[in-house]
């Protein structure tokens, strides 16, 4: 601080008490009536000539001395008023001059005042010494500063194998699935590195000026969770496979298995299968039996009216003849040669060459292709897309195809639209306020501190609104691009859709009345539109 703010001093005389007011140096702050009044109230001087003080402040040029009361006040020593910020990270002090005959504060006096104000940490002694060397009154001094906490970070796990199983199997030239090269299982060799853990950093606590400990934000701690056939390094930061086999990630836990191979049928000779890994069945799965696996299930034969549940994928090289009681349930994808009289649930996509009289539900695409590629009877439901060669039949079997957009994305888009509308309304009001202010200033209205503060507030509000508008528009445009580029909400028919087939897109229903060929069914406003394939 090069210059001095304006300040005041009590002058005690025999005929009463006087107030001596000093003007500020150029560019510094003048003393205010409120500050004088607060000081006088603190020393219990309530009855004084307020009008004379106000008049003196207005007419002040250099130094002025006025009588404010005939009462002779007691001598006032130099004093310090402490203000602690709301977050208790800063203690600011303002010193007030002693009256005539009053004592000056020492370093110990200042420290004691800080202690009485509950300031216990971060006292800036250099600032105190600076004041004692060059006393400036009615001026803010930062007398203590807290130590902010150092924030840490969550633990992070990096997996060194394929965890995204959304990649679809390869297809042959005739459109059939290439079961020999599925490339959808993560193979591992003994001693392969499976995962690496970056430990959580809990940060360092801080302290406020009152001596309270400030804890850093809580972080999420993680460990490398795993099943059998896996070992960790001594420090627990690396995970390795102990066997050759397959690796899967289920509920943040890594499983490695050398697979449970069943050389024949799953039936009376094996009983039900419940395995903590992958299961490979070389034969059939007989009606009434079940196969459950934390990993993938692969069946080389036919699945009858059985129950199959996988934490990963289900791959049926021949298919399923469910007999109206067979169920397939997978957290990931389901690939089957055919699906008949069965119920199917997939957390990923479903790919098959035919579906008959079955209920098939998938979070991802449902693709019915290959040589036959037909759907007859039953219901197919996908969040994204259904692609078939032929849907329905001339036999009058009811076939139901339903698709729709991701509801989470749609809800977010609606919320952003509401926010953009509100922000644009706020911006319009802000522009109106600025125009009104310009009109007022054009009439010659003086620019005082109140107007300056108002302009500052309007400017800050405008910056905040523009930032929010930009961020929301960016997110909105990104969502629109994702939705516009997404094939979800579409039914694709390579060959024929027979009359009577029911198509639903995002709750809009369309009943096919006449045979339709080589077409796509898409949502067009409140209708479903048929476009060329």
Protein backbone atom coordinates (compact mmCIF):
# COMPACT_ATOMS: atom_id res chain seq x y z
CA UNK A 1 0.00 0.00 0.00
CA UNK A 2 1.72 3.15 -1.21
CA UNK A 3 -0.87 5.74 -0.18
CA UNK A 4 -3.06 6.15 2.86
CA UNK A 5 -6.80 5.78 3.18
CA UNK A 6 -8.75 8.50 4.90
CA UNK A 7 -9.08 8.03 8.66
CA UNK A 8 -10.19 9.81 11.84
CA UNK A 9 -9.04 10.45 15.42
CA UNK A 10 -10.79 11.53 18.62
CA UNK A 11 -9.46 14.71 20.18
CA UNK A 12 -10.23 15.00 23.91
CA UNK A 13 -10.45 18.61 25.20
CA UNK A 14 -11.70 20.27 28.37
CA UNK A 15 -14.85 21.59 26.67
CA UNK A 16 -15.83 18.33 24.97
CA UNK A 17 -14.84 15.72 22.45
CA UNK A 18 -13.73 16.53 18.91
CA UNK A 19 -13.33 14.47 15.77
CA UNK A 20 -10.38 15.02 13.48
CA UNK A 21 -10.90 13.65 9.95
CA UNK A 22 -8.06 13.13 7.46
CA UNK A 23 -8.60 13.04 3.71
CA UNK A 24 -7.19 10.07 1.70
CA UNK A 25 -4.17 10.20 -0.55
CA UNK A 26 -4.87 10.22 -4.27
CA UNK A 27 -6.43 6.96 -5.42
CA UNK A 28 -7.13 5.73 -1.88
CA UNK A 29 -10.42 5.24 -0.05
CA UNK A 30 -12.08 8.00 2.01
CA UNK A 31 -13.38 7.28 5.47
CA UNK A 32 -17.14 6.69 5.55
CA UNK A 33 -19.83 7.85 7.94
CA UNK A 34 -20.79 4.22 8.65
CA UNK A 35 -17.28 3.37 9.80
CA UNK A 36 -17.11 6.42 12.06
CA UNK A 37 -20.54 5.67 13.48
CA UNK A 38 -19.62 2.03 14.13
CA UNK A 39 -16.44 3.05 15.97
CA UNK A 40 -18.27 5.61 18.12
CA UNK A 41 -20.99 3.07 18.93
CA UNK A 42 -18.35 0.54 19.99
CA UNK A 43 -16.94 3.03 22.51
CA UNK A 44 -20.55 3.75 23.63
CA UNK A 45 -20.76 7.26 22.22
CA UNK A 46 -24.27 7.30 20.81
CA UNK A 47 -25.33 10.90 21.33
CA UNK A 48 -23.17 13.03 19.05
CA UNK A 49 -23.68 15.56 16.25
CA UNK A 50 -24.22 13.25 13.27
CA UNK A 51 -25.19 16.11 10.99
CA UNK A 52 -21.91 17.88 11.71
CA UNK A 53 -19.98 14.71 10.92
CA UNK A 54 -21.83 14.21 7.63
CA UNK A 55 -21.26 17.85 6.67
CA UNK A 56 -17.55 17.56 7.47
CA UNK A 57 -17.18 14.44 5.31
CA UNK A 58 -18.78 16.21 2.34
CA UNK A 59 -16.64 19.35 2.66
CA UNK A 60 -13.39 17.55 3.56
CA UNK A 61 -10.36 18.61 1.50
CA UNK A 62 -7.33 17.88 3.67
CA UNK A 63 -7.90 17.77 7.44
CA UNK A 64 -10.87 18.99 9.39
CA UNK A 65 -11.59 19.07 13.13
CA UNK A 66 -15.15 19.33 14.46
CA UNK A 67 -16.73 19.23 17.89
CA UNK A 68 -19.16 16.32 18.08
CA UNK A 69 -20.26 16.42 21.76
CA UNK A 70 -19.75 18.62 24.83
CA UNK A 71 -19.14 15.42 26.81
CA UNK A 72 -15.53 14.71 27.64
CA UNK A 73 -14.88 11.12 26.57
CA UNK A 74 -12.35 8.87 28.23
CA UNK A 75 -9.04 8.37 26.49
CA UNK A 76 -9.13 5.73 23.76
CA UNK A 77 -6.10 3.60 22.96
CA UNK A 78 -5.19 2.51 19.46
CA UNK A 79 -7.36 -0.51 18.63
CA UNK A 80 -7.84 -3.30 16.13
CA UNK A 81 -11.08 -4.77 14.75
CA UNK A 82 -10.91 -8.29 13.33
CA UNK A 83 -13.17 -9.76 10.63
CA UNK A 84 -12.96 -13.46 9.72
CA UNK A 85 -14.16 -14.58 6.28
CA UNK A 86 -17.11 -16.97 6.01
CA UNK A 87 -14.83 -19.87 5.06
CA UNK A 88 -12.53 -18.93 7.97
CA UNK A 89 -9.54 -18.92 5.62
CA UNK A 90 -8.67 -15.23 6.03
CA UNK A 91 -8.62 -12.84 9.00
CA UNK A 92 -8.65 -9.17 8.04
CA UNK A 93 -7.94 -6.40 10.55
CA UNK A 94 -8.51 -2.63 10.53
CA UNK A 95 -6.62 -0.41 12.95
CA UNK A 96 -8.04 2.79 14.47
CA UNK A 97 -5.98 5.71 15.69
CA UNK A 98 -5.73 6.41 19.43
CA UNK A 99 -7.33 9.52 20.82
CA UNK A 100 -5.12 12.26 22.23
CA UNK A 101 -3.29 10.72 25.15
CA UNK A 102 -4.05 7.15 23.97
CA UNK A 103 -1.51 4.35 23.82
CA UNK A 104 -0.22 2.65 20.67
CA UNK A 105 -0.52 -1.11 20.26
CA UNK A 106 2.53 -3.34 20.47
CA UNK A 107 3.09 -6.60 18.58
CA UNK A 108 1.99 -8.53 21.65
CA UNK A 109 -1.19 -6.42 21.88
CA UNK A 110 -2.02 -7.26 18.25
CA UNK A 111 -1.35 -10.98 18.77
CA UNK A 112 -3.53 -10.93 21.89
CA UNK A 113 -6.38 -9.24 19.97
CA UNK A 114 -6.16 -11.91 17.27
CA UNK A 115 -6.25 -14.63 19.91
CA UNK A 116 -9.32 -13.09 21.53
CA UNK A 117 -10.97 -13.13 18.08
CA UNK A 118 -10.25 -16.90 17.91
CA UNK A 119 -7.48 -16.53 15.32
CA UNK A 120 -5.05 -19.32 16.13
CA UNK A 121 -3.34 -20.25 12.88
CA UNK A 122 -1.50 -18.60 10.01
CA UNK A 123 -0.77 -15.25 11.66
CA UNK A 124 1.26 -13.13 9.23
CA UNK A 125 3.88 -11.53 11.44
CA UNK A 126 5.51 -9.62 8.57
CA UNK A 127 2.22 -7.81 7.98
CA UNK A 128 2.04 -6.92 11.69
CA UNK A 129 5.62 -5.62 11.64
CA UNK A 130 4.80 -3.63 8.51
CA UNK A 131 1.94 -1.91 10.33
CA UNK A 132 4.07 -1.16 13.37
CA UNK A 133 6.67 0.40 11.09
CA UNK A 134 4.18 2.47 9.09
CA UNK A 135 0.77 2.75 10.76
CA UNK A 136 -2.16 3.11 8.36
CA UNK A 137 -5.65 3.39 9.77
CA UNK A 138 -9.07 2.46 8.33
CA UNK A 139 -7.18 0.10 6.04
CA UNK A 140 -7.59 -3.65 5.58
CA UNK A 141 -4.61 -5.74 6.67
CA UNK A 142 -4.60 -9.50 6.02
CA UNK A 143 -3.34 -10.60 9.42
CA UNK A 144 -3.84 -14.36 9.10
CA UNK A 145 -4.30 -16.85 6.31
CA UNK A 146 -5.37 -20.50 6.53
CA UNK A 147 -3.85 -23.40 4.64
CA UNK A 148 -6.16 -24.92 2.03
CA UNK A 149 -6.34 -28.71 1.88
CA UNK A 150 -4.63 -30.49 -0.99
CA UNK A 151 -7.24 -32.57 -2.80
CA UNK A 152 -6.44 -36.17 -3.66
CA UNK A 153 -7.90 -38.40 -6.37
CA UNK A 154 -9.90 -41.60 -6.65
CA UNK A 155 -8.22 -44.91 -7.21
CA UNK A 156 -8.15 -46.00 -10.85
CA UNK A 157 -8.05 -49.47 -12.35
CA UNK A 158 -6.76 -50.13 -15.87
CA UNK A 159 -7.80 -53.44 -17.40
CA UNK A 160 -5.40 -54.95 -19.95
CA UNK A 161 -7.95 -57.14 -21.70
CA UNK A 162 -11.05 -56.59 -23.79
CA UNK A 163 -13.91 -55.50 -21.53
CA UNK A 164 -16.11 -54.07 -24.32
CA UNK A 165 -17.96 -57.00 -25.84
CA UNK A 166 -20.11 -54.88 -28.16
CA UNK A 167 -18.09 -55.94 -31.21
CA UNK A 168 -20.28 -58.10 -33.41
CA UNK A 169 -19.18 -61.41 -34.92
CA UNK A 170 -17.93 -61.58 -38.48
CA UNK A 171 -20.31 -62.73 -41.20
CA UNK A 172 -19.68 -64.90 -44.22
CA UNK A 173 -20.33 -63.77 -47.78
CA UNK A 174 -23.80 -65.35 -47.68
CA UNK A 175 -24.66 -63.37 -44.53
CA UNK A 176 -24.40 -66.26 -42.07
CA UNK A 177 -22.46 -65.88 -38.83
CA UNK A 178 -18.87 -67.14 -38.88
CA UNK A 179 -18.88 -69.26 -35.71
CA UNK A 180 -15.26 -70.28 -36.31
CA UNK A 181 -13.98 -66.74 -35.88
CA UNK A 182 -16.29 -65.10 -33.36
CA UNK A 183 -13.43 -63.16 -31.71
CA UNK A 184 -15.73 -62.23 -28.82
CA UNK A 185 -13.93 -64.02 -25.98
CA UNK A 186 -10.88 -62.53 -24.24
CA UNK A 187 -8.25 -65.23 -24.20
CA UNK A 188 -5.34 -65.04 -21.73
CA UNK A 189 -2.11 -66.92 -21.21
CA UNK A 190 -0.51 -67.83 -17.91
CA UNK A 191 1.34 -64.86 -16.32
CA UNK A 192 -0.49 -62.29 -18.52
CA UNK A 193 -0.97 -58.90 -16.85
CA UNK A 194 -4.72 -58.47 -16.39
CA UNK A 195 -5.10 -55.20 -14.48
CA UNK A 196 -3.16 -52.36 -12.87
CA UNK A 197 -4.28 -50.32 -9.85
CA UNK A 198 -3.38 -46.67 -9.32
CA UNK A 199 -4.01 -46.24 -5.56
CA UNK A 200 -6.22 -43.48 -4.22
CA UNK A 201 -4.52 -40.31 -3.00
CA UNK A 202 -6.30 -39.14 0.14
CA UNK A 203 -4.85 -35.63 -0.10
CA UNK A 204 -3.50 -33.45 2.71
CA UNK A 205 -5.69 -31.72 5.35
CA UNK A 206 -5.70 -27.93 5.62
CA UNK A 207 -6.20 -25.60 8.59
CA UNK A 208 -8.36 -22.48 8.84
CA UNK A 209 -7.34 -19.38 10.77
CA UNK A 210 -9.34 -20.60 13.79
CA UNK A 211 -7.20 -23.72 13.95
CA UNK A 212 -9.89 -26.08 12.65
CA UNK A 213 -8.68 -28.96 10.47
CA UNK A 214 -10.13 -28.91 6.94
CA UNK A 215 -10.42 -32.40 5.54
CA UNK A 216 -9.90 -32.86 1.79
CA UNK A 217 -12.79 -34.28 -0.23
CA UNK A 218 -13.42 -37.97 0.23
CA UNK A 219 -11.98 -40.18 -2.47
CA UNK A 220 -13.11 -43.56 -3.73
CA UNK A 221 -10.79 -46.36 -2.77
CA UNK A 222 -10.57 -49.47 -4.91
CA UNK A 223 -8.87 -52.83 -4.79
CA UNK A 224 -8.20 -55.38 -7.49
CA UNK A 225 -11.12 -57.79 -7.04
CA UNK A 226 -10.84 -61.23 -8.60
CA UNK A 227 -11.82 -64.86 -8.56
CA UNK A 228 -9.70 -68.01 -8.73
CA UNK A 229 -6.70 -68.63 -11.00
CA UNK A 230 -5.41 -65.09 -10.43
CA UNK A 231 -2.58 -63.70 -8.31
CA UNK A 232 -1.65 -60.18 -7.23
CA UNK A 233 1.77 -58.59 -6.95
CA UNK A 234 3.16 -58.12 -3.44
CA UNK A 235 2.07 -54.47 -3.38
CA UNK A 236 -1.42 -55.39 -4.59
CA UNK A 237 -1.13 -53.07 -7.60
CA UNK A 238 -0.92 -55.63 -10.40
CA UNK A 239 -3.05 -58.65 -11.29
CA UNK A 240 -1.80 -61.68 -13.23
CA UNK A 241 -3.39 -64.84 -14.63
CA UNK A 242 -2.25 -68.17 -13.19
CA UNK A 243 -3.67 -70.26 -16.06
CA UNK A 244 -4.33 -70.25 -19.78
CA UNK A 245 -8.00 -69.59 -20.43
CA UNK A 246 -10.58 -66.82 -20.74
CA UNK A 247 -10.93 -63.60 -18.76
CA UNK A 248 -14.14 -61.71 -18.09
CA UNK A 249 -15.15 -58.69 -16.04
CA UNK A 250 -18.36 -59.06 -14.04
CA UNK A 251 -19.50 -56.55 -11.43
CA UNK A 252 -15.96 -55.06 -11.24
CA UNK A 253 -14.51 -58.49 -10.47
CA UNK A 254 -12.09 -60.24 -12.81
CA UNK A 255 -12.62 -63.95 -13.49
CA UNK A 256 -10.14 -66.22 -15.22
CA UNK A 257 -11.14 -69.72 -16.09
CA UNK A 258 -9.65 -72.51 -18.09
CA UNK A 259 -13.31 -73.20 -18.93
CA UNK A 260 -15.56 -76.01 -17.80
CA UNK A 261 -15.73 -78.33 -20.79
CA UNK A 262 -18.65 -80.75 -20.99
CA UNK A 263 -17.85 -83.31 -23.70
CA UNK A 264 -21.45 -84.53 -24.17
CA UNK A 265 -24.99 -83.40 -23.33
CA UNK A 266 -26.06 -81.45 -20.28
CA UNK A 267 -28.72 -83.78 -18.91
CA UNK A 268 -29.23 -86.57 -16.47
CA UNK A 269 -25.56 -87.54 -16.52
CA UNK A 270 -24.36 -84.07 -15.52
CA UNK A 271 -27.24 -82.51 -13.62
CA UNK A 272 -27.59 -78.73 -13.63
CA UNK A 273 -24.43 -76.74 -14.24
CA UNK A 274 -23.50 -73.70 -12.11
CA UNK A 275 -19.94 -72.58 -12.83
CA UNK A 276 -17.82 -69.59 -11.77
CA UNK A 277 -16.34 -69.04 -15.22
CA UNK A 278 -16.97 -70.03 -18.85
CA UNK A 279 -18.87 -73.17 -19.83
CA UNK A 280 -18.43 -75.04 -23.11
CA UNK A 281 -20.98 -77.75 -23.93
CA UNK A 282 -19.96 -79.99 -26.82
CA UNK A 283 -23.37 -81.71 -26.98
CA UNK A 284 -26.96 -80.57 -26.39
CA UNK A 285 -28.70 -79.04 -23.39
CA UNK A 286 -31.67 -81.23 -22.65
CA UNK A 287 -35.14 -80.00 -21.65
CA UNK A 288 -35.54 -79.30 -17.94
CA UNK A 289 -31.85 -78.75 -17.18
CA UNK A 290 -30.01 -75.47 -16.62
CA UNK A 291 -26.59 -74.02 -17.29
CA UNK A 292 -25.46 -71.00 -15.28
CA UNK A 293 -22.07 -69.35 -15.73
CA UNK A 294 -20.44 -66.20 -14.39
CA UNK A 295 -18.63 -65.94 -17.72
CA UNK A 296 -19.67 -67.07 -21.23
CA UNK A 297 -21.73 -70.10 -22.30
CA UNK A 298 -20.98 -71.80 -25.60
CA UNK A 299 -23.08 -74.74 -26.83
CA UNK A 300 -22.11 -76.76 -29.91
CA UNK A 301 -25.37 -78.74 -30.04
CA UNK A 302 -29.05 -77.75 -29.71
CA UNK A 303 -30.57 -76.18 -26.61
CA UNK A 304 -34.03 -77.57 -25.90
CA UNK A 305 -36.50 -76.37 -23.26
CA UNK A 306 -33.67 -75.49 -20.89
CA UNK A 307 -32.56 -72.48 -18.89
CA UNK A 308 -29.26 -70.77 -19.74
CA UNK A 309 -27.96 -67.78 -17.78
CA UNK A 310 -24.58 -66.13 -18.41
CA UNK A 311 -22.77 -63.20 -16.82
CA UNK A 312 -21.15 -62.72 -20.23
CA UNK A 313 -22.31 -63.97 -23.63
CA UNK A 314 -24.32 -66.96 -24.84
CA UNK A 315 -23.23 -68.54 -28.12
CA UNK A 316 -25.35 -71.36 -29.58
CA UNK A 317 -23.65 -72.81 -32.64
CA UNK A 318 -26.82 -74.65 -33.72
CA UNK A 319 -29.68 -72.91 -31.97
CA UNK A 320 -32.56 -73.24 -29.52
CA UNK A 321 -35.79 -75.21 -29.77
CA UNK A 322 -37.33 -73.96 -26.55
CA UNK A 323 -40.63 -75.88 -26.55
CA UNK A 324 -42.29 -72.78 -25.04
CA UNK A 325 -40.26 -73.11 -21.85
CA UNK A 326 -36.68 -72.49 -22.90
CA UNK A 327 -35.01 -69.31 -21.63
CA UNK A 328 -31.76 -67.58 -22.60
CA UNK A 329 -30.52 -64.80 -20.33
CA UNK A 330 -27.18 -63.00 -20.81
CA UNK A 331 -25.69 -59.79 -19.43
CA UNK A 332 -23.94 -59.36 -22.76
CA UNK A 333 -24.65 -60.63 -26.29
CA UNK A 334 -26.53 -63.68 -27.57
CA UNK A 335 -25.59 -65.35 -30.84
CA UNK A 336 -27.65 -68.34 -32.01
CA UNK A 337 -28.21 -70.18 -35.28
CA UNK A 338 -31.97 -70.08 -34.68
CA UNK A 339 -34.46 -69.30 -31.90
CA UNK A 340 -37.78 -71.15 -31.72
CA UNK A 341 -40.49 -71.12 -29.03
CA UNK A 342 -38.22 -69.47 -26.47
CA UNK A 343 -37.77 -66.39 -24.32
CA UNK A 344 -34.54 -64.42 -24.75
CA UNK A 345 -33.03 -61.54 -22.71
CA UNK A 346 -29.76 -59.89 -23.80
CA UNK A 347 -27.85 -57.04 -22.16
CA UNK A 348 -26.05 -56.51 -25.49
CA UNK A 349 -27.10 -57.43 -29.03
CA UNK A 350 -28.85 -60.53 -30.42
CA UNK A 351 -27.77 -62.10 -33.69
CA UNK A 352 -29.49 -65.10 -35.27
CA UNK A 353 -30.67 -66.48 -38.61
CA UNK A 354 -34.32 -67.02 -37.65
CA UNK A 355 -36.85 -66.39 -34.87
CA UNK A 356 -40.12 -68.28 -34.59
CA UNK A 357 -42.83 -67.77 -31.98
CA UNK A 358 -40.38 -66.32 -29.45
CA UNK A 359 -40.07 -63.25 -27.24
CA UNK A 360 -36.66 -61.63 -27.73
CA UNK A 361 -35.54 -58.54 -25.79
CA UNK A 362 -32.17 -56.77 -26.18
CA UNK A 363 -30.58 -53.51 -25.07
CA UNK A 364 -28.59 -53.49 -28.31
CA UNK A 365 -29.49 -54.40 -31.90
CA UNK A 366 -31.46 -57.49 -32.89
CA UNK A 367 -30.19 -58.76 -36.23
CA UNK A 368 -31.98 -61.66 -37.94
CA UNK A 369 -29.92 -62.35 -41.04
CA UNK A 370 -27.99 -65.11 -42.76
CA UNK A 371 -29.51 -67.41 -45.37
CA UNK A 372 -33.06 -67.30 -43.96
CA UNK A 373 -33.28 -64.20 -41.80
CA UNK A 374 -36.97 -64.45 -40.99
CA UNK A 375 -39.15 -63.63 -37.97
CA UNK A 376 -42.52 -65.27 -37.67
CA UNK A 377 -44.73 -64.86 -34.63
CA UNK A 378 -43.74 -63.58 -31.22
CA UNK A 379 -42.28 -60.24 -30.18
CA UNK A 380 -38.87 -58.61 -30.70
CA UNK A 381 -37.94 -55.58 -28.57
CA UNK A 382 -34.75 -53.53 -28.99
CA UNK A 383 -33.71 -50.11 -27.71
CA UNK A 384 -31.77 -49.46 -30.89
CA UNK A 385 -32.53 -51.37 -34.10
CA UNK A 386 -34.17 -54.49 -35.48
CA UNK A 387 -32.86 -55.77 -38.80
CA UNK A 388 -34.53 -58.75 -40.54
CA UNK A 389 -34.85 -60.25 -43.99
CA UNK A 390 -38.49 -61.23 -43.63
CA UNK A 391 -41.05 -60.37 -40.94
CA UNK A 392 -44.44 -62.04 -40.45
CA UNK A 393 -45.98 -64.61 -42.78
CA UNK A 394 -48.96 -65.25 -45.01
CA UNK A 395 -50.16 -67.72 -42.36
CA UNK A 396 -51.36 -64.80 -40.22
CA UNK A 397 -48.98 -65.29 -37.32
CA UNK A 398 -48.88 -62.13 -35.16
CA UNK A 399 -45.38 -60.64 -35.32
CA UNK A 400 -44.48 -57.66 -33.15
CA UNK A 401 -41.33 -55.53 -33.73
CA UNK A 402 -40.60 -52.71 -31.28
CA UNK A 403 -37.68 -50.24 -31.09
CA UNK A 404 -37.01 -46.90 -29.37
CA UNK A 405 -34.40 -44.34 -28.45
CA UNK A 406 -32.40 -44.41 -25.24
CA UNK A 407 -34.79 -42.88 -22.65
CA UNK A 408 -31.93 -41.52 -20.52
CA UNK A 409 -30.60 -39.54 -23.47
CA UNK A 410 -34.08 -38.30 -24.38
CA UNK A 411 -34.77 -37.07 -20.82
CA UNK A 412 -31.45 -35.23 -20.71
CA UNK A 413 -32.23 -33.56 -24.04
CA UNK A 414 -35.60 -32.33 -22.72
CA UNK A 415 -33.97 -30.89 -19.58
CA UNK A 416 -31.37 -29.04 -21.67
CA UNK A 417 -34.11 -27.62 -23.89
CA UNK A 418 -35.88 -26.26 -20.80
CA UNK A 419 -32.62 -24.78 -19.49
CA UNK A 420 -31.85 -23.13 -22.85
CA UNK A 421 -35.33 -21.56 -22.92
CA UNK A 422 -34.87 -20.15 -19.41
CA UNK A 423 -31.36 -18.85 -20.19
CA UNK A 424 -32.59 -17.10 -23.33
CA UNK A 425 -35.41 -15.49 -21.32
CA UNK A 426 -32.89 -14.31 -18.71
CA UNK A 427 -30.67 -12.92 -21.46
CA UNK A 428 -33.61 -11.00 -22.95
CA UNK A 429 -34.35 -9.44 -19.55
CA UNK A 430 -30.67 -8.57 -19.16
CA UNK A 431 -30.58 -6.83 -22.55
CA UNK A 432 -33.70 -4.87 -21.61
CA UNK A 433 -32.04 -3.76 -18.37
CA UNK A 434 -28.89 -2.66 -20.23
CA UNK A 435 -30.93 -0.75 -22.81
CA UNK A 436 -32.82 1.00 -20.02
CA UNK A 437 -29.53 1.91 -18.34
CA UNK A 438 -28.10 3.30 -21.61
CA UNK A 439 -31.24 5.38 -22.12
CA UNK A 440 -30.94 6.76 -18.59
CA UNK A 441 -27.27 7.62 -19.07
CA UNK A 442 -28.01 9.34 -22.40
CA UNK A 443 -30.22 11.81 -20.53
CA UNK A 444 -27.22 12.96 -18.51
CA UNK A 445 -27.60 10.85 -15.39
CA UNK A 446 -24.36 10.95 -13.38
CA UNK A 447 -22.38 7.71 -13.05
CA UNK A 448 -22.08 7.13 -9.32
CA UNK A 449 -20.86 4.12 -7.32
CA UNK A 450 -24.33 2.59 -7.29
CA UNK A 451 -24.58 2.68 -11.10
CA UNK A 452 -21.04 1.34 -11.45
CA UNK A 453 -21.91 -1.57 -9.17
CA UNK A 454 -25.11 -2.20 -11.15
CA UNK A 455 -23.17 -2.24 -14.43
CA UNK A 456 -20.66 -4.65 -12.88
CA UNK A 457 -23.48 -6.97 -11.76
CA UNK A 458 -25.10 -6.90 -15.20
CA UNK A 459 -21.76 -7.62 -16.87
CA UNK A 460 -21.06 -10.59 -14.57
CA UNK A 461 -24.58 -11.92 -15.14
CA UNK A 462 -24.12 -11.64 -18.89
CA UNK A 463 -20.81 -13.56 -18.75
CA UNK A 464 -22.42 -16.27 -16.62
CA UNK A 465 -25.42 -16.61 -18.94
CA UNK A 466 -23.23 -16.73 -22.05
CA UNK A 467 -21.05 -19.43 -20.49
CA UNK A 468 -24.07 -21.54 -19.55
CA UNK A 469 -25.61 -21.04 -22.98
CA UNK A 470 -22.40 -22.14 -24.67
CA UNK A 471 -22.01 -25.23 -22.45
CA UNK A 472 -25.67 -26.26 -22.83
CA UNK A 473 -25.65 -25.70 -26.60
CA UNK A 474 -22.49 -27.80 -26.91
CA UNK A 475 -24.01 -30.64 -24.89
CA UNK A 476 -27.32 -30.28 -26.76
CA UNK A 477 -25.60 -30.44 -30.15
CA UNK A 478 -23.54 -33.44 -29.06
CA UNK A 479 -26.69 -35.27 -27.96
CA UNK A 480 -28.45 -34.37 -31.19
CA UNK A 481 -25.50 -35.67 -33.20
CA UNK A 482 -25.53 -38.91 -31.22
CA UNK A 483 -29.27 -39.33 -31.71
CA UNK A 484 -29.19 -38.33 -35.38
CA UNK A 485 -26.31 -40.69 -36.11
CA UNK A 486 -27.78 -43.52 -34.08
CA UNK A 487 -29.59 -46.29 -35.94
CA UNK A 488 -31.80 -46.84 -32.91
CA UNK A 489 -35.47 -46.36 -33.43
CA UNK A 490 -35.34 -48.16 -36.79
CA UNK A 491 -36.72 -51.38 -38.23
CA UNK A 492 -34.87 -52.56 -41.35
CA UNK A 493 -36.38 -55.18 -43.65
CA UNK A 494 -34.10 -56.49 -46.36
CA UNK A 495 -36.81 -58.52 -48.13
CA UNK A 496 -40.49 -58.56 -47.04
CA UNK A 497 -42.79 -57.43 -44.23
CA UNK A 498 -46.07 -59.32 -44.41
CA UNK A 499 -49.47 -57.81 -43.69
CA UNK A 500 -50.52 -57.92 -40.04
CA UNK A 501 -47.03 -57.27 -38.68
CA UNK A 502 -47.12 -54.75 -35.83
CA UNK A 503 -44.30 -52.19 -35.68
CA UNK A 504 -43.79 -49.86 -32.70
CA UNK A 505 -41.23 -47.04 -32.65
CA UNK A 506 -41.07 -45.01 -29.43
CA UNK A 507 -44.73 -45.76 -28.63
CA UNK A 508 -45.96 -44.95 -32.14
CA UNK A 509 -47.82 -47.98 -33.53
CA UNK A 510 -48.02 -48.99 -37.19
CA UNK A 511 -49.89 -52.04 -38.48
CA UNK A 512 -48.67 -53.24 -41.85
CA UNK A 513 -51.78 -53.55 -44.07
CA UNK A 514 -50.16 -54.58 -47.35
CA UNK A 515 -46.93 -56.42 -48.04
CA UNK A 516 -43.88 -54.10 -47.94
CA UNK A 517 -40.50 -54.97 -49.46
CA UNK A 518 -36.92 -53.62 -49.17
CA UNK A 519 -37.82 -50.92 -46.65
CA UNK A 520 -36.89 -49.20 -43.46
CA UNK A 521 -39.43 -48.09 -40.86
CA UNK A 522 -38.42 -44.89 -39.07
CA UNK A 523 -40.04 -42.37 -36.75
CA UNK A 524 -41.25 -39.25 -38.59
CA UNK A 525 -42.78 -36.86 -36.06
CA UNK A 526 -45.85 -38.54 -34.64
CA UNK A 527 -45.94 -41.07 -37.47
CA UNK A 528 -43.92 -44.00 -38.72
CA UNK A 529 -42.47 -43.47 -42.17
CA UNK A 530 -41.50 -46.16 -44.67
CA UNK A 531 -38.38 -45.40 -46.72
CA UNK A 532 -36.33 -47.47 -49.18
CA UNK A 533 -33.94 -50.00 -47.70
